[in-house]
Protein backbone atom coordinates (compact mmCIF):
# COMPACT_ATOMS: atom_id res chain seq x y z
CA UNK A 1 9.24 -14.15 -1.11
CA UNK A 2 10.02 -10.47 -1.52
CA UNK A 3 7.78 -10.12 -4.50
CA UNK A 4 9.01 -6.83 -5.94
CA UNK A 5 12.65 -7.10 -4.99
CA UNK A 6 15.67 -6.84 -7.21
CA UNK A 7 17.11 -9.72 -5.22
CA UNK A 8 14.14 -11.95 -4.41
CA UNK A 9 15.02 -15.55 -3.54
CA UNK A 10 18.65 -15.38 -4.57
CA UNK A 11 19.64 -18.68 -2.98
CA UNK A 12 19.05 -21.21 -5.76
CA UNK A 13 16.91 -21.85 -8.82
CA UNK A 14 13.30 -22.96 -8.63
CA UNK A 15 12.41 -26.63 -9.19
CA UNK A 16 12.40 -27.18 -12.96
CA UNK A 17 9.86 -30.02 -12.48
CA UNK A 18 7.35 -27.34 -11.51
CA UNK A 19 7.21 -26.10 -15.11
CA UNK A 20 4.20 -28.27 -15.94
CA UNK A 21 0.37 -28.09 -15.96
CA UNK A 22 -0.69 -26.15 -12.88
CA UNK A 23 2.88 -24.96 -12.26
CA UNK A 24 5.11 -22.04 -13.27
CA UNK A 25 4.88 -20.23 -16.60
CA UNK A 26 8.10 -20.43 -18.64
CA UNK A 27 9.23 -16.88 -19.45
CA UNK A 28 11.84 -15.83 -21.99
CA UNK A 29 13.53 -12.44 -22.13
CA UNK A 30 11.51 -10.15 -24.39
CA UNK A 31 8.22 -12.03 -23.83
CA UNK A 32 5.24 -9.66 -23.76
CA UNK A 33 2.28 -9.61 -21.33
CA UNK A 34 -1.06 -7.77 -21.11
CA UNK A 35 -1.40 -7.24 -24.87
CA UNK A 36 2.21 -6.08 -25.21
CA UNK A 37 2.24 -3.56 -22.34
CA UNK A 38 4.84 -5.38 -20.19
CA UNK A 39 8.06 -6.86 -21.60
CA UNK A 40 10.16 -9.34 -19.59
CA UNK A 41 13.74 -8.13 -19.05
CA UNK A 42 15.38 -10.53 -16.55
CA UNK A 43 14.39 -12.87 -13.73
CA UNK A 44 14.49 -11.30 -10.27
CA UNK A 45 13.59 -14.35 -8.19
CA UNK A 46 11.03 -16.98 -7.38
CA UNK A 47 8.90 -18.32 -4.58
CA UNK A 48 6.79 -21.35 -3.81
CA UNK A 49 3.83 -19.83 -5.66
CA UNK A 50 5.41 -17.71 -8.40
CA UNK A 51 8.36 -16.40 -10.38
CA UNK A 52 9.17 -12.68 -10.45
CA UNK A 53 10.58 -10.78 -13.41
CA UNK A 54 11.91 -7.33 -14.06
CA UNK A 55 9.63 -5.98 -16.79
CA UNK A 56 9.46 -2.81 -18.85
CA UNK A 57 6.12 -1.00 -18.87
CA UNK A 58 5.77 0.39 -22.41
CA UNK A 59 2.81 2.52 -21.32
CA UNK A 60 4.67 4.48 -18.61
CA UNK A 61 8.29 3.82 -19.74
CA UNK A 62 9.07 2.54 -16.23
CA UNK A 63 10.53 -0.68 -14.90
CA UNK A 64 8.26 -2.84 -12.76
CA UNK A 65 8.27 -6.21 -11.00
CA UNK A 66 6.06 -8.80 -12.72
CA UNK A 67 4.90 -11.61 -10.44
CA UNK A 68 3.54 -14.64 -12.35
CA UNK A 69 1.62 -17.10 -10.19
CA UNK A 70 1.49 -20.88 -10.76
CA UNK A 71 -1.72 -21.82 -12.57
CA UNK A 72 -3.23 -24.52 -10.29
CA UNK A 73 -6.58 -23.46 -8.68
CA UNK A 74 -5.13 -23.06 -5.15
CA UNK A 75 -2.49 -20.62 -6.43
CA UNK A 76 -5.09 -18.68 -8.39
CA UNK A 77 -7.14 -18.37 -5.20
CA UNK A 78 -4.08 -17.15 -3.26
CA UNK A 79 -3.42 -14.55 -5.98
CA UNK A 80 -7.02 -13.27 -5.84
CA UNK A 81 -6.65 -12.78 -2.08
CA UNK A 82 -3.35 -10.93 -2.48
CA UNK A 83 -4.79 -8.74 -5.26
CA UNK A 84 -7.74 -7.84 -3.00
CA UNK A 85 -5.33 -6.77 -0.21
CA UNK A 86 -2.98 -4.88 -2.58
CA UNK A 87 -5.90 -3.10 -4.29
CA UNK A 88 -7.09 -1.75 -0.93
CA UNK A 89 -3.53 -0.56 -0.19
CA UNK A 90 -3.13 1.36 -3.44
CA UNK A 91 -6.69 2.74 -3.38
CA UNK A 92 -6.15 4.39 0.01
CA UNK A 93 -2.62 5.64 -0.71
CA UNK A 94 -2.91 7.64 -3.96
CA UNK A 95 0.24 9.66 -3.19
CA UNK A 96 2.32 6.50 -2.56
CA UNK A 97 3.67 7.73 0.78
CA UNK A 98 2.59 5.02 3.26
CA UNK A 99 5.68 2.77 3.01
CA UNK A 100 3.81 -0.26 1.63
CA UNK A 101 4.43 -1.73 -1.85
CA UNK A 102 2.04 -0.55 -4.58
CA UNK A 103 0.19 -2.67 -7.11
CA UNK A 104 0.47 -1.21 -10.62
CA UNK A 105 -1.79 -3.64 -12.49
CA UNK A 106 -3.07 -7.23 -12.50
CA UNK A 107 -4.24 -9.52 -15.30
CA UNK A 108 -4.44 -13.15 -16.40
CA UNK A 109 -2.00 -14.71 -18.86
CA UNK A 110 -2.64 -17.97 -20.69
CA UNK A 111 0.32 -20.25 -21.38
CA UNK A 112 1.07 -23.93 -22.09
CA UNK A 113 0.72 -24.79 -18.35
CA UNK A 114 -2.62 -23.06 -17.84
CA UNK A 115 -3.96 -19.60 -16.98
CA UNK A 116 -1.71 -17.63 -14.64
CA UNK A 117 -2.68 -14.72 -12.39
CA UNK A 118 -0.14 -11.92 -12.80
CA UNK A 119 0.56 -8.97 -10.54
CA UNK A 120 2.58 -5.94 -11.58
CA UNK A 121 4.25 -4.16 -8.64
CA UNK A 122 6.49 -1.15 -8.36
CA UNK A 123 10.16 -2.09 -8.72
CA UNK A 124 12.03 -1.77 -5.44
CA UNK A 125 15.55 -2.50 -4.23
CA UNK A 126 17.24 -5.01 -1.95
CA UNK A 127 15.70 -6.50 1.16
CA UNK A 128 16.75 -5.49 4.66
CA UNK A 129 18.03 -9.06 5.03
CA UNK A 130 20.34 -8.40 2.06
CA UNK A 131 21.47 -5.18 3.78
CA UNK A 132 22.25 -7.08 7.02
CA UNK A 133 24.31 -9.59 5.03
CA UNK A 134 25.99 -6.84 3.00
CA UNK A 135 27.05 -5.25 6.28
CA UNK A 136 28.59 -8.60 7.32
CA UNK A 137 26.15 -9.11 10.21
CA UNK A 138 27.81 -6.26 12.17
CA UNK A 139 24.65 -4.36 13.05
CA UNK A 140 23.79 -0.99 11.57
CA UNK A 141 24.42 2.42 13.07
CA UNK A 142 21.44 3.30 15.30
CA UNK A 143 20.65 6.41 13.24
CA UNK A 144 20.12 4.12 10.21
CA UNK A 145 18.14 1.65 12.34
CA UNK A 146 15.80 4.45 13.42
CA UNK A 147 15.34 5.56 9.80
CA UNK A 148 14.34 2.03 8.74
CA UNK A 149 12.15 1.53 11.83
CA UNK A 150 10.24 4.72 11.12
CA UNK A 151 9.40 3.55 7.59
CA UNK A 152 8.27 0.11 8.83
CA UNK A 153 6.08 1.70 11.51
CA UNK A 154 4.49 4.13 9.01
CA UNK A 155 3.65 1.07 6.88
CA UNK A 156 2.28 -0.92 9.83
CA UNK A 157 0.25 2.02 11.11
CA UNK A 158 -1.32 2.35 7.64
CA UNK A 159 -2.08 -1.39 7.39
CA UNK A 160 -3.41 -1.68 10.95
CA UNK A 161 -5.21 1.55 11.73
CA UNK A 162 -6.40 2.69 8.32
CA UNK A 163 -7.04 -0.62 6.54
CA UNK A 164 -7.54 -3.23 9.27
CA UNK A 165 -4.92 -5.55 7.71
CA UNK A 166 -2.51 -7.83 9.64
CA UNK A 167 0.66 -8.60 7.64
CA UNK A 168 1.35 -11.89 9.55
CA UNK A 169 4.84 -12.41 8.09
CA UNK A 170 6.89 -9.31 8.84
CA UNK A 171 10.66 -10.03 8.71
CA UNK A 172 13.80 -8.51 7.16
CA UNK A 173 13.33 -10.20 3.78
CA UNK A 174 9.81 -8.72 3.49
CA UNK A 175 11.03 -5.15 3.88
CA UNK A 176 12.66 -3.68 0.77
CA UNK A 177 14.81 -0.60 0.31
CA UNK A 178 13.47 1.83 -2.29
CA UNK A 179 16.60 1.27 -4.39
CA UNK A 180 19.33 -1.31 -4.83
CA UNK A 181 22.53 -1.25 -2.76
CA UNK A 182 24.54 -1.88 -5.93
CA UNK A 183 23.64 0.82 -8.53
CA UNK A 184 24.49 -1.54 -11.42
CA UNK A 185 21.52 -3.74 -10.41
CA UNK A 186 19.12 -0.82 -10.68
CA UNK A 187 17.80 -0.48 -14.26
CA UNK A 188 17.36 3.29 -13.91
CA UNK A 189 20.69 4.18 -12.26
CA UNK A 190 22.60 1.77 -14.52
CA UNK A 191 20.89 3.38 -17.56
CA UNK A 192 19.77 -0.04 -18.76
CA UNK A 193 18.33 -0.05 -22.28
CA UNK A 194 15.04 -1.96 -22.31
CA UNK A 195 14.77 -5.11 -24.43
CA UNK A 196 11.76 -4.42 -26.62
CA UNK A 197 11.52 -7.70 -28.54
CA UNK A 198 12.52 -11.30 -28.28
CA UNK A 199 15.39 -12.32 -30.52
CA UNK A 200 17.57 -15.39 -31.06
CA UNK A 201 20.51 -13.37 -29.73
CA UNK A 202 18.62 -12.53 -26.55
CA UNK A 203 17.70 -16.19 -26.05
CA UNK A 204 21.35 -17.24 -26.41
CA UNK A 205 22.35 -14.39 -24.14
CA UNK A 206 19.80 -15.57 -21.58
CA UNK A 207 21.39 -19.04 -21.49
CA UNK A 208 24.84 -17.47 -21.04
CA UNK A 209 23.58 -15.08 -18.36
CA UNK A 210 21.90 -17.94 -16.48
CA UNK A 211 25.17 -19.89 -16.50
CA UNK A 212 27.07 -16.85 -15.18
CA UNK A 213 24.36 -16.20 -12.57
CA UNK A 214 24.65 -19.78 -11.30
CA UNK A 215 28.43 -19.38 -10.89
CA UNK A 216 27.95 -16.08 -9.08
CA UNK A 217 25.34 -17.63 -6.78
CA UNK A 218 27.70 -20.47 -5.92
CA UNK A 219 30.45 -17.94 -5.19
CA UNK A 220 28.05 -15.89 -3.05
CA UNK A 221 27.05 -19.02 -1.11
CA UNK A 222 30.70 -19.78 -0.38
CA UNK A 223 31.21 -16.18 0.75
CA UNK A 224 28.19 -16.38 3.09
CA UNK A 225 29.46 -19.69 4.49
CA UNK A 226 32.87 -18.10 5.09
CA UNK A 227 31.28 -15.15 6.90
CA UNK A 228 29.26 -17.57 9.04
CA UNK A 229 32.46 -19.45 9.90
CA UNK A 230 34.19 -16.18 10.80
CA UNK A 231 31.30 -15.28 13.08
CA UNK A 232 31.77 -18.58 14.87
CA UNK A 233 35.43 -17.73 15.28
CA UNK A 234 36.52 -20.60 13.05
CA UNK A 235 38.61 -18.41 10.75
CA UNK A 236 41.09 -15.72 11.81
CA UNK A 237 40.53 -13.56 14.86
CA UNK A 238 40.96 -10.27 12.98
CA UNK A 239 37.62 -8.89 11.80
CA UNK A 240 37.37 -7.42 8.31
CA UNK A 241 36.66 -3.66 8.11
CA UNK A 242 33.00 -2.75 7.83
CA UNK A 243 31.65 -2.12 4.34
CA UNK A 244 30.89 1.50 3.51
CA UNK A 245 27.17 2.28 3.69
CA UNK A 246 27.52 5.84 2.42
CA UNK A 247 25.20 6.66 -0.45
CA UNK A 248 22.64 3.97 0.40
CA UNK A 249 19.05 5.21 0.61
CA UNK A 250 17.64 3.65 3.79
CA UNK A 251 14.01 4.46 3.01
CA UNK A 252 12.05 1.24 2.66
CA UNK A 253 8.66 -0.40 2.17
CA UNK A 254 6.78 -3.40 3.51
CA UNK A 255 6.18 -6.03 0.81
CA UNK A 256 4.83 -9.55 0.30
CA UNK A 257 1.19 -9.33 1.35
CA UNK A 258 0.50 -12.89 0.18
CA UNK A 259 -0.07 -14.06 3.77
CA UNK A 260 -1.80 -10.89 5.00
CA UNK A 261 -5.37 -11.00 6.28
CA UNK A 262 -8.16 -8.72 7.38
CA UNK A 263 -8.24 -8.45 11.18
CA UNK A 264 -11.88 -9.58 11.23
CA UNK A 265 -11.06 -12.63 9.05
CA UNK A 266 -7.97 -14.31 10.53
CA UNK A 267 -6.33 -16.98 8.38
CA UNK A 268 -4.37 -20.03 9.56
CA UNK A 269 -3.61 -20.60 13.26
CA UNK A 270 0.12 -20.92 12.58
CA UNK A 271 1.33 -17.65 11.09
CA UNK A 272 4.71 -15.85 10.96
CA UNK A 273 8.18 -17.14 10.18
CA UNK A 274 9.56 -19.02 13.20
CA UNK A 275 12.15 -16.51 14.53
CA UNK A 276 9.67 -13.59 14.35
CA UNK A 277 6.68 -15.51 15.77
CA UNK A 278 4.78 -13.99 18.70
CA UNK A 279 4.06 -16.01 21.88
CA UNK A 280 0.28 -15.89 21.36
CA UNK A 281 0.75 -17.68 18.02
CA UNK A 282 2.82 -20.45 19.63
CA UNK A 283 0.24 -20.83 22.41
CA UNK A 284 -2.73 -20.45 20.02
CA UNK A 285 -4.50 -17.88 22.14
CA UNK A 286 -5.80 -15.80 19.21
CA UNK A 287 -4.02 -12.96 17.40
CA UNK A 288 -4.46 -9.51 15.92
CA UNK A 289 -2.31 -6.48 15.03
CA UNK A 290 0.09 -6.96 18.00
CA UNK A 291 1.64 -10.01 16.26
CA UNK A 292 3.10 -7.66 13.64
CA UNK A 293 4.45 -5.42 16.39
CA UNK A 294 6.29 -8.39 17.97
CA UNK A 295 7.86 -9.22 14.57
CA UNK A 296 8.79 -5.56 14.15
CA UNK A 297 10.69 -5.52 17.47
CA UNK A 298 12.58 -8.70 16.50
CA UNK A 299 13.48 -7.09 13.16
CA UNK A 300 14.65 -3.84 14.80
CA UNK A 301 16.92 -5.82 17.15
CA UNK A 302 18.37 -7.75 14.19
CA UNK A 303 19.08 -4.52 12.29
CA UNK A 304 20.95 -3.08 15.29
CA UNK A 305 22.94 -6.22 16.18
CA UNK A 306 23.19 -8.29 12.98
CA UNK A 307 21.80 -11.31 14.86
CA UNK A 308 18.31 -12.72 15.31
CA UNK A 309 16.74 -11.99 18.66
CA UNK A 310 15.40 -15.55 18.95
CA UNK A 311 16.77 -18.56 17.05
CA UNK A 312 15.15 -21.59 18.77
CA UNK A 313 16.17 -25.20 18.19
CA UNK A 314 14.65 -28.46 19.43
CA UNK A 315 16.71 -30.30 22.07
CA UNK A 316 16.76 -33.50 24.04
CA UNK A 317 13.31 -33.85 25.55
CA UNK A 318 11.88 -30.52 24.35
CA UNK A 319 10.49 -29.04 21.14
CA UNK A 320 11.42 -25.97 19.10
CA UNK A 321 8.33 -24.21 20.47
CA UNK A 322 9.41 -24.87 24.05
CA UNK A 323 12.93 -23.62 23.37
CA UNK A 324 11.43 -20.51 21.75
CA UNK A 325 9.30 -19.78 24.84
CA UNK A 326 12.33 -20.38 27.10
CA UNK A 327 14.48 -17.97 25.06
CA UNK A 328 11.75 -15.33 25.30
CA UNK A 329 11.57 -15.69 29.08
CA UNK A 330 15.35 -15.59 29.52
CA UNK A 331 15.46 -12.23 27.75
CA UNK A 332 12.11 -10.70 28.74
CA UNK A 333 11.26 -12.26 32.11
CA UNK A 334 8.72 -14.85 33.20
CA UNK A 335 5.52 -15.10 31.15
CA UNK A 336 2.59 -14.01 33.36
CA UNK A 337 0.60 -17.08 34.45
CA UNK A 338 -2.62 -15.77 32.86
CA UNK A 339 -0.88 -15.52 29.46
CA UNK A 340 1.07 -18.79 29.86
CA UNK A 341 -2.02 -20.92 30.53
CA UNK A 342 -4.47 -19.00 28.30
CA UNK A 343 -3.91 -20.70 24.93
CA UNK A 344 -5.21 -23.87 23.28
CA UNK A 345 -1.67 -25.30 23.34
CA UNK A 346 -0.65 -24.00 26.78
CA UNK A 347 -0.98 -27.42 28.42
CA UNK A 348 1.59 -28.83 25.98
CA UNK A 349 4.25 -26.51 27.41
CA UNK A 350 3.24 -25.14 30.84
CA UNK A 351 2.10 -26.61 34.14
CA UNK A 352 -0.82 -25.03 36.04
CA UNK A 353 1.57 -22.60 37.75
CA UNK A 354 2.72 -21.18 34.41
CA UNK A 355 6.17 -22.84 34.53
CA UNK A 356 7.63 -24.69 31.57
CA UNK A 357 7.22 -28.45 31.99
CA UNK A 358 10.41 -29.63 30.34
CA UNK A 359 12.86 -26.70 30.48
CA UNK A 360 13.45 -25.84 34.12
CA UNK A 361 16.75 -23.98 34.27
CA UNK A 362 16.59 -20.53 32.70
CA UNK A 363 19.42 -17.98 32.56
CA UNK A 364 17.69 -14.64 32.93
CA UNK A 365 19.15 -11.50 31.36
CA UNK A 366 17.70 -8.37 29.71
CA UNK A 367 17.86 -6.66 26.34
CA UNK A 368 19.98 -3.76 27.64
CA UNK A 369 22.42 -6.17 29.35
CA UNK A 370 22.73 -8.28 26.20
CA UNK A 371 23.34 -5.19 24.04
CA UNK A 372 26.19 -4.06 26.31
CA UNK A 373 27.79 -7.42 27.14
CA UNK A 374 27.55 -9.21 23.80
CA UNK A 375 27.18 -6.44 21.21
CA UNK A 376 29.36 -3.81 22.95
CA UNK A 377 26.76 -1.02 22.89
CA UNK A 378 27.34 2.10 24.95
CA UNK A 379 25.28 1.95 28.17
CA UNK A 380 23.12 4.94 27.16
CA UNK A 381 22.41 3.59 23.65
CA UNK A 382 21.58 0.16 25.08
CA UNK A 383 19.23 1.58 27.72
CA UNK A 384 17.37 3.87 25.27
CA UNK A 385 17.00 1.15 22.61
CA UNK A 386 15.82 -1.38 25.23
CA UNK A 387 13.27 1.16 26.53
CA UNK A 388 11.90 1.35 22.99
CA UNK A 389 11.81 -2.44 22.43
CA UNK A 390 10.66 -3.80 25.80
CA UNK A 391 7.01 -2.57 25.71
CA UNK A 392 6.59 -3.94 22.15
CA UNK A 393 7.73 -7.34 23.45
CA UNK A 394 5.14 -7.50 26.24
CA UNK A 395 3.83 -11.07 26.57
CA UNK A 396 0.28 -9.70 26.85
CA UNK A 397 -0.62 -8.60 23.28
CA UNK A 398 -3.13 -5.96 24.44
CA UNK A 399 -0.40 -4.18 26.40
CA UNK A 400 1.91 -3.73 23.40
CA UNK A 401 1.96 -0.22 21.93
CA UNK A 402 0.46 0.30 18.47
CA UNK A 403 2.56 1.36 15.48
CA UNK A 404 1.11 4.86 15.85
CA UNK A 405 2.20 5.02 19.50
CA UNK A 406 5.69 3.74 18.63
CA UNK A 407 6.09 6.52 16.06
CA UNK A 408 5.75 9.02 18.93
CA UNK A 409 8.38 7.28 21.11
CA UNK A 410 11.34 9.50 22.16
CA UNK A 411 13.85 6.96 20.78
CA UNK A 412 12.49 7.47 17.25
CA UNK A 413 12.09 11.22 17.65
CA UNK A 414 15.82 11.51 18.48
CA UNK A 415 16.63 10.57 14.89
CA UNK A 416 14.31 13.21 13.51
CA UNK A 417 15.95 15.85 15.72
CA UNK A 418 19.46 14.76 14.65
CA UNK A 419 18.44 14.78 10.97
CA UNK A 420 17.10 18.34 11.26
CA UNK A 421 20.23 19.47 13.13
């Protein structure tokens, strides 16, 4: 979950049954935390481990994101790990310029369901996933894509080279803009007056707001379903005009370090969200910083096209993993035999020659060809963007460029030159 987002987990409400011993803490608007320092203003979202609230910091007079973890021991342990990672991030970035979310404070809060670990994070805007949806899956202008990519790479370079941290779950919903797309959702730009105490009126208002929010969510779901249908060509052939992106600040930060790990202490074998998962994770051949670089390239492609680079599905006689590997090879070429047979799970998918056992017919293409043929890119734009992405998507992790090397790539430097001009 995008832990400090204004739009975290917008899809539906959390499971109300989880408000019990060991579960979520029930929060009401105006509730105070940390001896009255933080006051709950409205719910921003929720995740499997926590709920997230917009809160007012009475000490600094700023709005923050308050993440309240479930109270069961395993969630407390997860919070301690995340706090350790976030503390290292803030300690080494005193000027707050490394494009990674900052921890403001952390504390424990006792409630009817137990003792909850709480993290206070800087308040940020909408996720890049929200931006992709807002732009109706059309793909962003490449100048904007470069701007976002530069921020992500600054963040990854900081995590990898300076701190020795692997994010392990980089994807569009874990990258947040510095501000909201809609100014009315930003408490500063909308000149929101902070709620400083809990009142009966605010409680009634909360019930009313929740009812309205549910209706709006249902309407938003229908709108997303309609857009999906349009993309499949099921509704009208005439495309709607693209939404105006003028005035949006495209600077962004990497968030959600709940699954991050130190490079010398890898966590679970299966990391990363499916569509952004690197081949070495599927094959279980060990992983390090290059897994984040693979996810970054998939994210950059999605920003530029509006579509996921890889969306595997299981089929008759083959698994989702096998389809994923086949899709990779169709776009990037055959996996070198040494890489294909070098993982603990290689024998499940490949024969001794490095060929897939159950998917034999592959339709080979290339990133530049796909960009031109399907997404109607200009040949030059397609070639230059593909030249940037292809090395990052090398099947051999040790051959992928680092975030620092990517920041020096001519494709990214073009944007800087155009901005100066």
